[in-house]
């Protein structure tokens, strides 16, 4: 097994070298301090054995001088020579023993330091391997992860430290990716089904009409009307898909706009639908200046109002409110209708999500609220919905206000 390849230094090796280097530096500093203290201590210590031998030698020399009955001056000279000899022997013995002691101390210390550095390197390699084990688990999970296999998790156990936080973050990222890919697969499947429906309607209308032996102009005109209706439905769906894809990529050029003005224009454009259902509209439009993409925000407001009118009951009601609060521009759109279970409300923002409890036309694309949420997120805003106790739905969208 190769520990590293050319030009690549594993983190484990680098950590081991760092551990060994720090231990070597600390050991060298301790050795230097110990060597200095021992050398200073030895400098003030005279070896007892050497002094004893030198004293015996001097005593013998002095006795020999006294035995010869020397002149006082010669006797003083003899004593002086004996004293110098004693000092010389003591100094030489002291220097020799000091150098020998320090040499042995240095040799043994260096040998011990070398052995400890090797041991610390081995222990550092083991400790680094244990410390990096979670990283290896994360790497292995990342290698196993793919679009078809995002369900596996690291689930790292152990103390709540940085490595566990990294593993938990990676697990959360895998969960988000898994949810995103699952949502994308559902979206593609639903989009294919929704696009296939108008094509099937057109093909059926054409085949049925052409299968009649004696086709009348009225039958051909009815077929054309049915095909035109299916084409309009397909066109609306494709336009909604393109808008959703654009908002998912993020907002385009942003400029100052008033959500209240866009809501008023959307209500004017929806006047025929309001009369056709009919529903009662109550609008409280206060200035709501925001910074955003005019095309996307206009579609957001239009979808909110169209959704409230479409999914309503006969003689129902719609309430539209705009304004600013806490530096954010908001629009609230509420409508009457049947009671919606609270646990199903968040799913209304999913693409092609329709609830059988909601009444209204079946001509919708099922992308209205999905586009609303996507546009809000693209503008760093948020979209929320809540069911009303008496029945119906209220959708609130918050967009960053215009500060300049």
Protein backbone atom coordinates (compact mmCIF):
# COMPACT_ATOMS: atom_id res chain seq x y z
CA UNK A 1 0.00 0.00 0.00
CA UNK A 2 1.46 3.32 -1.05
CA UNK A 3 1.24 5.95 1.63
CA UNK A 4 1.68 8.78 -0.82
CA UNK A 5 2.33 9.33 -4.49
CA UNK A 6 4.75 11.62 -6.25
CA UNK A 7 4.00 15.26 -5.55
CA UNK A 8 1.37 14.38 -2.92
CA UNK A 9 1.86 14.64 0.82
CA UNK A 10 -0.98 13.16 2.85
CA UNK A 11 -2.34 15.14 5.78
CA UNK A 12 -1.55 12.21 8.05
CA UNK A 13 2.15 12.41 7.12
CA UNK A 14 2.22 16.16 7.60
CA UNK A 15 0.55 15.89 11.00
CA UNK A 16 3.05 13.22 12.00
CA UNK A 17 5.96 15.42 10.95
CA UNK A 18 4.49 18.34 12.85
CA UNK A 19 4.05 16.24 16.00
CA UNK A 20 7.63 14.91 15.74
CA UNK A 21 9.06 18.34 14.97
CA UNK A 22 7.34 19.93 17.95
CA UNK A 23 8.52 17.11 20.21
CA UNK A 24 12.07 17.45 18.84
CA UNK A 25 12.09 21.20 19.44
CA UNK A 26 10.72 20.79 22.98
CA UNK A 27 13.22 17.99 23.74
CA UNK A 28 16.14 20.01 22.38
CA UNK A 29 15.15 23.01 24.49
CA UNK A 30 14.86 20.83 27.59
CA UNK A 31 18.23 19.22 26.84
CA UNK A 32 19.89 22.63 26.45
CA UNK A 33 18.46 23.85 29.76
CA UNK A 34 19.47 20.63 31.54
CA UNK A 35 22.97 20.73 30.05
CA UNK A 36 23.47 24.35 31.15
CA UNK A 37 22.25 23.69 34.70
CA UNK A 38 24.47 20.61 35.09
CA UNK A 39 27.51 22.43 33.66
CA UNK A 40 26.98 25.32 36.09
CA UNK A 41 26.60 22.94 39.00
CA UNK A 42 29.76 21.02 38.12
CA UNK A 43 31.80 24.24 37.82
CA UNK A 44 31.46 24.89 41.56
CA UNK A 45 32.10 21.30 42.71
CA UNK A 46 35.57 19.91 43.38
CA UNK A 47 35.97 16.14 43.08
CA UNK A 48 36.65 14.68 46.56
CA UNK A 49 38.80 11.72 45.40
CA UNK A 50 41.15 13.92 43.38
CA UNK A 51 41.57 16.39 46.25
CA UNK A 52 42.28 13.54 48.67
CA UNK A 53 45.00 12.11 46.48
CA UNK A 54 46.55 15.54 45.93
CA UNK A 55 46.50 16.24 49.69
CA UNK A 56 48.31 12.98 50.40
CA UNK A 57 50.93 13.88 47.80
CA UNK A 58 51.47 17.33 49.33
CA UNK A 59 51.71 15.91 52.86
CA UNK A 60 54.40 13.51 51.73
CA UNK A 61 56.33 16.32 50.06
CA UNK A 62 56.09 18.53 53.17
CA UNK A 63 57.29 15.69 55.43
CA UNK A 64 60.24 15.13 53.09
CA UNK A 65 61.10 18.83 53.27
CA UNK A 66 60.92 18.84 57.08
CA UNK A 67 63.06 15.72 57.28
CA UNK A 68 65.82 17.49 55.45
CA UNK A 69 65.86 20.40 57.95
CA UNK A 70 65.83 23.00 55.21
CA UNK A 71 66.47 26.67 55.71
CA UNK A 72 63.29 28.62 56.50
CA UNK A 73 63.35 30.27 53.08
CA UNK A 74 63.76 26.91 51.35
CA UNK A 75 61.04 25.49 53.57
CA UNK A 76 58.65 28.28 52.53
CA UNK A 77 59.48 27.65 48.91
CA UNK A 78 58.79 23.94 49.37
CA UNK A 79 55.44 24.67 50.94
CA UNK A 80 54.58 27.07 48.11
CA UNK A 81 55.45 24.44 45.51
CA UNK A 82 53.37 21.86 47.38
CA UNK A 83 50.38 24.25 47.50
CA UNK A 84 50.64 25.05 43.77
CA UNK A 85 50.90 21.37 43.01
CA UNK A 86 47.79 20.70 45.06
CA UNK A 87 45.86 23.46 43.27
CA UNK A 88 47.03 22.25 39.85
CA UNK A 89 46.05 18.68 40.52
CA UNK A 90 42.67 19.75 41.87
CA UNK A 91 42.00 21.99 38.86
CA UNK A 92 43.04 19.34 36.34
CA UNK A 93 40.97 16.69 38.05
CA UNK A 94 37.99 19.02 38.22
CA UNK A 95 38.21 19.90 34.52
CA UNK A 96 38.62 16.28 33.52
CA UNK A 97 35.68 15.05 35.57
CA UNK A 98 33.51 17.95 34.40
CA UNK A 99 34.24 17.28 30.73
CA UNK A 100 33.64 13.56 31.19
CA UNK A 101 30.33 14.10 33.00
CA UNK A 102 29.08 16.61 30.42
CA UNK A 103 30.14 14.35 27.54
CA UNK A 104 28.28 11.40 29.02
CA UNK A 105 25.26 13.56 29.75
CA UNK A 106 25.20 14.85 26.17
CA UNK A 107 25.61 11.40 24.64
CA UNK A 108 22.90 9.80 26.76
CA UNK A 109 20.55 12.74 26.29
CA UNK A 110 20.96 12.77 22.51
CA UNK A 111 20.40 9.02 22.33
CA UNK A 112 17.29 9.29 24.50
CA UNK A 113 16.03 12.24 22.47
CA UNK A 114 16.50 10.34 19.21
CA UNK A 115 14.65 7.32 20.62
CA UNK A 116 11.81 9.53 21.89
CA UNK A 117 11.55 11.36 18.55
CA UNK A 118 11.16 8.02 16.75
CA UNK A 119 8.59 6.92 19.32
CA UNK A 120 6.74 10.21 19.05
CA UNK A 121 6.68 9.87 15.26
CA UNK A 122 5.18 6.40 15.53
CA UNK A 123 2.62 7.54 18.10
CA UNK A 124 1.91 10.66 16.05
CA UNK A 125 1.21 8.51 12.98
CA UNK A 126 -1.28 6.44 14.99
CA UNK A 127 -2.95 9.47 16.58
CA UNK A 128 -3.17 11.29 13.23
CA UNK A 129 -4.77 8.22 11.67
CA UNK A 130 -7.39 8.04 14.40
CA UNK A 131 -8.04 11.78 14.17
CA UNK A 132 -8.45 11.62 10.38
CA UNK A 133 -10.67 8.54 10.42
CA UNK A 134 -13.86 10.67 10.16
CA UNK A 135 -12.36 12.50 7.20
CA UNK A 136 -11.78 9.17 5.46
CA UNK A 137 -15.41 8.25 6.16
CA UNK A 138 -16.57 11.53 4.62
CA UNK A 139 -14.34 10.97 1.59
CA UNK A 140 -15.66 7.44 1.11
CA UNK A 141 -19.26 8.67 1.38
CA UNK A 142 -18.57 11.40 -1.17
CA UNK A 143 -17.11 8.85 -3.58
CA UNK A 144 -20.11 6.56 -3.18
CA UNK A 145 -22.59 9.39 -3.62
CA UNK A 146 -24.18 9.81 -7.02
CA UNK A 147 -27.47 10.97 -8.47
CA UNK A 148 -28.91 7.49 -7.97
CA UNK A 149 -27.31 6.89 -4.54
CA UNK A 150 -27.77 9.79 -2.15
CA UNK A 151 -29.49 7.92 0.67
CA UNK A 152 -26.31 6.84 2.46
CA UNK A 153 -25.24 8.89 5.49
CA UNK A 154 -22.07 9.03 7.57
CA UNK A 155 -23.87 9.27 10.94
CA UNK A 156 -20.58 9.92 12.73
CA UNK A 157 -20.62 9.07 16.44
CA UNK A 158 -18.35 10.54 19.06
CA UNK A 159 -17.75 13.86 20.81
CA UNK A 160 -19.37 16.99 19.49
CA UNK A 161 -16.25 18.47 17.88
CA UNK A 162 -15.33 20.05 14.55
CA UNK A 163 -15.08 16.71 12.72
CA UNK A 164 -18.54 15.64 13.87
CA UNK A 165 -19.87 19.03 12.82
CA UNK A 166 -18.28 18.52 9.39
CA UNK A 167 -19.81 15.05 9.09
CA UNK A 168 -23.25 16.31 10.16
CA UNK A 169 -22.99 19.15 7.65
CA UNK A 170 -22.08 16.68 4.92
CA UNK A 171 -25.06 14.48 5.89
CA UNK A 172 -27.33 17.52 5.72
CA UNK A 173 -25.92 18.39 2.30
CA UNK A 174 -26.58 14.84 1.06
CA UNK A 175 -30.13 15.07 2.40
CA UNK A 176 -30.71 18.35 0.55
CA UNK A 177 -29.25 16.91 -2.64
CA UNK A 178 -31.37 13.80 -2.28
CA UNK A 179 -34.49 15.92 -1.84
CA UNK A 180 -33.50 18.17 -4.76
CA UNK A 181 -32.90 15.25 -7.14
CA UNK A 182 -36.12 13.57 -6.03
CA UNK A 183 -38.00 16.82 -6.59
CA UNK A 184 -36.35 17.20 -10.00
CA UNK A 185 -37.34 13.66 -11.01
CA UNK A 186 -40.91 14.30 -9.89
CA UNK A 187 -40.92 17.59 -11.75
CA UNK A 188 -39.71 16.01 -14.99
CA UNK A 189 -42.24 13.19 -14.70
CA UNK A 190 -45.10 15.57 -13.93
CA UNK A 191 -44.04 17.97 -16.68
CA UNK A 192 -43.94 15.13 -19.19
CA UNK A 193 -47.40 14.01 -18.10
CA UNK A 194 -48.81 17.53 -18.22
CA UNK A 195 -47.37 18.18 -21.68
CA UNK A 196 -48.61 14.82 -22.92
CA UNK A 197 -52.20 15.63 -21.91
CA UNK A 198 -52.86 18.49 -24.40
CA UNK A 199 -51.07 16.57 -27.14
CA UNK A 200 -53.32 13.58 -26.49
CA UNK A 201 -56.39 15.83 -26.56
CA UNK A 202 -55.34 17.30 -29.90
CA UNK A 203 -54.55 13.91 -31.42
CA UNK A 204 -57.85 12.46 -30.21
CA UNK A 205 -59.88 15.39 -31.54
CA UNK A 206 -58.20 15.20 -34.92
CA UNK A 207 -58.47 11.39 -35.18
CA UNK A 208 -62.14 11.34 -34.17
CA UNK A 209 -63.05 14.07 -36.62
CA UNK A 210 -61.09 12.54 -39.50
CA UNK A 211 -62.62 9.12 -38.80
CA UNK A 212 -66.10 10.41 -39.61
CA UNK A 213 -67.04 9.61 -43.23
CA UNK A 214 -69.02 12.77 -43.82
CA UNK A 215 -67.34 15.60 -41.99
CA UNK A 216 -69.35 18.79 -41.77
CA UNK A 217 -67.91 22.27 -41.43
CA UNK A 218 -69.40 22.46 -37.94
CA UNK A 219 -67.54 19.33 -36.89
CA UNK A 220 -64.30 20.65 -38.31
CA UNK A 221 -64.85 23.97 -36.54
CA UNK A 222 -65.51 22.18 -33.23
CA UNK A 223 -62.32 20.18 -33.71
CA UNK A 224 -60.39 23.36 -34.42
CA UNK A 225 -61.76 24.99 -31.26
CA UNK A 226 -60.82 21.95 -29.18
CA UNK A 227 -57.33 21.82 -30.69
CA UNK A 228 -56.90 25.56 -30.12
CA UNK A 229 -57.88 25.15 -26.47
CA UNK A 230 -55.35 22.32 -26.07
CA UNK A 231 -52.66 24.43 -27.78
CA UNK A 232 -53.37 27.33 -25.41
CA UNK A 233 -53.06 24.96 -22.46
CA UNK A 234 -49.74 23.58 -23.74
CA UNK A 235 -48.46 27.09 -24.41
CA UNK A 236 -49.41 28.24 -20.91
CA UNK A 237 -47.68 25.22 -19.42
CA UNK A 238 -44.50 25.77 -21.43
CA UNK A 239 -44.47 29.45 -20.52
CA UNK A 240 -44.89 28.55 -16.85
CA UNK A 241 -42.06 26.01 -17.07
CA UNK A 242 -39.78 28.59 -18.66
CA UNK A 243 -40.66 31.13 -15.97
CA UNK A 244 -39.97 28.58 -13.25
CA UNK A 245 -36.63 27.66 -14.82
CA UNK A 246 -35.68 31.33 -15.09
CA UNK A 247 -36.57 32.07 -11.48
CA UNK A 248 -34.66 28.98 -10.30
CA UNK A 249 -31.54 30.42 -11.95
CA UNK A 250 -31.99 33.63 -9.96
CA UNK A 251 -33.40 37.03 -10.66
CA UNK A 252 -32.17 39.05 -13.62
CA UNK A 253 -31.56 42.82 -13.69
CA UNK A 254 -33.24 44.43 -10.71
CA UNK A 255 -34.88 47.79 -10.52
CA UNK A 256 -37.22 49.78 -8.33
CA UNK A 257 -40.85 48.66 -8.57
CA UNK A 258 -44.10 49.01 -6.64
CA UNK A 259 -45.85 45.75 -5.80
CA UNK A 260 -49.10 47.69 -5.22
CA UNK A 261 -49.09 48.93 -8.83
CA UNK A 262 -48.43 45.40 -10.11
CA UNK A 263 -51.30 44.08 -7.97
CA UNK A 264 -53.64 46.74 -9.32
CA UNK A 265 -52.70 45.88 -12.92
CA UNK A 266 -53.17 42.17 -12.20
CA UNK A 267 -56.64 42.80 -10.77
CA UNK A 268 -57.59 44.85 -13.83
CA UNK A 269 -56.38 42.06 -16.13
CA UNK A 270 -58.30 39.47 -14.10
CA UNK A 271 -61.60 41.41 -14.29
CA UNK A 272 -63.20 38.99 -16.85
CA UNK A 273 -62.33 35.98 -14.66
CA UNK A 274 -63.66 37.79 -11.59
CA UNK A 275 -67.00 38.41 -13.33
CA UNK A 276 -67.14 34.85 -14.69
CA UNK A 277 -66.90 33.06 -11.34
CA UNK A 278 -68.06 35.53 -9.75
CA UNK A 279 -66.07 36.54 -6.64
CA UNK A 280 -65.97 39.62 -4.47
CA UNK A 281 -62.61 41.38 -4.40
CA UNK A 282 -61.41 43.56 -1.53
CA UNK A 283 -58.13 45.38 -2.11
CA UNK A 284 -56.07 47.38 0.39
CA UNK A 285 -53.13 48.45 -1.75
CA UNK A 286 -50.57 50.51 0.11
CA UNK A 287 -47.26 51.45 -1.56
CA UNK A 288 -44.86 48.52 -1.41
CA UNK A 289 -41.59 49.56 -3.04
CA UNK A 290 -39.23 46.68 -3.70
CA UNK A 291 -36.05 45.97 -5.64
CA UNK A 292 -36.44 43.11 -8.09
CA UNK A 293 -36.81 41.72 -11.57
CA UNK A 294 -39.96 43.38 -13.00
CA UNK A 295 -40.88 40.40 -15.21
CA UNK A 296 -40.58 37.82 -12.45
CA UNK A 297 -42.28 39.93 -9.76
CA UNK A 298 -45.12 40.72 -12.15
CA UNK A 299 -45.59 37.00 -12.78
CA UNK A 300 -45.50 36.37 -9.02
CA UNK A 301 -48.29 38.87 -8.35
CA UNK A 302 -50.33 37.65 -11.34
CA UNK A 303 -50.06 34.03 -10.21
CA UNK A 304 -51.16 34.89 -6.68
CA UNK A 305 -54.30 36.70 -7.85
CA UNK A 306 -55.08 34.17 -10.60
CA UNK A 307 -54.66 31.31 -8.10
CA UNK A 308 -57.02 33.00 -5.61
CA UNK A 309 -59.71 33.49 -8.28
CA UNK A 310 -59.31 30.09 -9.94
CA UNK A 311 -59.38 28.01 -6.76
CA UNK A 312 -62.45 29.56 -5.22
CA UNK A 313 -66.11 28.82 -4.76
CA UNK A 314 -69.01 30.52 -6.57
CA UNK A 315 -69.86 33.84 -4.93
CA UNK A 316 -66.60 33.59 -3.02
CA UNK A 317 -64.23 36.31 -1.96
CA UNK A 318 -60.64 37.46 -2.56
CA UNK A 319 -58.65 39.86 -0.39
CA UNK A 320 -55.45 41.52 -1.63
CA UNK A 321 -53.22 43.62 0.64
CA UNK A 322 -49.84 45.22 -0.05
CA UNK A 323 -47.51 47.37 2.05
CA UNK A 324 -44.13 47.53 3.74
CA UNK A 325 -43.07 46.23 7.13
CA UNK A 326 -39.63 45.99 8.74
CA UNK A 327 -37.94 47.13 5.55
CA UNK A 328 -39.67 44.44 3.46
CA UNK A 329 -42.37 44.82 0.81
CA UNK A 330 -45.20 42.32 1.16
CA UNK A 331 -48.32 41.15 -0.63
CA UNK A 332 -51.00 39.04 1.05
CA UNK A 333 -53.64 37.31 -1.06
CA UNK A 334 -56.44 35.38 0.67
CA UNK A 335 -59.43 33.61 -0.84
CA UNK A 336 -62.42 31.63 0.34
CA UNK A 337 -62.98 27.97 -0.31
CA UNK A 338 -63.16 24.61 1.41
CA UNK A 339 -61.12 23.86 4.51
CA UNK A 340 -57.60 22.67 3.69
CA UNK A 341 -55.75 20.42 6.21
CA UNK A 342 -52.85 22.32 7.75
CA UNK A 343 -50.37 19.49 7.04
CA UNK A 344 -51.12 19.71 3.30
CA UNK A 345 -50.62 23.47 2.95
CA UNK A 346 -46.79 23.38 2.49
CA UNK A 347 -47.17 20.87 -0.38
CA UNK A 348 -49.11 23.47 -2.40
CA UNK A 349 -45.77 25.07 -3.31
CA UNK A 350 -44.59 21.87 -5.01
CA UNK A 351 -44.81 21.72 -8.83
CA UNK A 352 -48.02 20.20 -10.26
CA UNK A 353 -49.45 19.78 -6.78
CA UNK A 354 -53.25 19.91 -6.78
CA UNK A 355 -55.56 19.07 -3.91
CA UNK A 356 -58.89 17.48 -4.64
CA UNK A 357 -60.35 19.54 -1.79
CA UNK A 358 -59.70 22.74 -3.72
CA UNK A 359 -62.41 23.67 -6.15
CA UNK A 360 -62.10 25.64 -9.31
CA UNK A 361 -61.09 25.23 -12.93
CA UNK A 362 -58.96 22.29 -13.99
CA UNK A 363 -57.23 24.42 -16.64
CA UNK A 364 -54.42 25.47 -14.32
CA UNK A 365 -50.90 24.27 -14.90
CA UNK A 366 -50.19 23.37 -11.27
CA UNK A 367 -47.15 25.65 -11.28
CA UNK A 368 -48.66 28.87 -9.96
CA UNK A 369 -47.50 28.71 -6.35
CA UNK A 370 -44.28 26.92 -7.34
CA UNK A 371 -43.36 29.94 -9.45
CA UNK A 372 -44.34 32.25 -6.59
CA UNK A 373 -42.00 30.52 -4.16
CA UNK A 374 -39.18 30.26 -6.70
CA UNK A 375 -39.39 33.98 -7.55
CA UNK A 376 -39.46 34.92 -3.86
CA UNK A 377 -36.37 32.81 -3.12
CA UNK A 378 -34.57 34.24 -6.17
CA UNK A 379 -35.08 37.72 -4.64
CA UNK A 380 -33.87 36.60 -1.17
CA UNK A 381 -37.45 36.77 0.07
CA UNK A 382 -39.91 34.18 1.28
CA UNK A 383 -43.37 32.85 0.51
CA UNK A 384 -45.62 31.30 3.14
CA UNK A 385 -49.15 29.95 3.15
CA UNK A 386 -51.68 29.14 5.85
CA UNK A 387 -55.14 27.67 5.84
CA UNK A 388 -58.02 29.79 7.11
CA UNK A 389 -60.20 28.39 9.90
CA UNK A 390 -63.38 29.16 7.96
CA UNK A 391 -62.00 27.66 4.75
CA UNK A 392 -59.71 28.97 2.06
CA UNK A 393 -56.07 29.91 1.85
CA UNK A 394 -53.85 32.93 2.55
CA UNK A 395 -50.51 33.29 0.77
CA UNK A 396 -47.98 35.92 1.92
CA UNK A 397 -44.87 36.94 -0.01
CA UNK A 398 -42.08 39.12 1.35
CA UNK A 399 -39.54 40.83 -0.91
CA UNK A 400 -36.56 43.04 -0.01
CA UNK A 401 -37.56 46.68 0.12
CA UNK A 402 -36.00 49.45 -1.93
CA UNK A 403 -33.60 51.37 0.29
CA UNK A 404 -32.37 53.97 -2.13
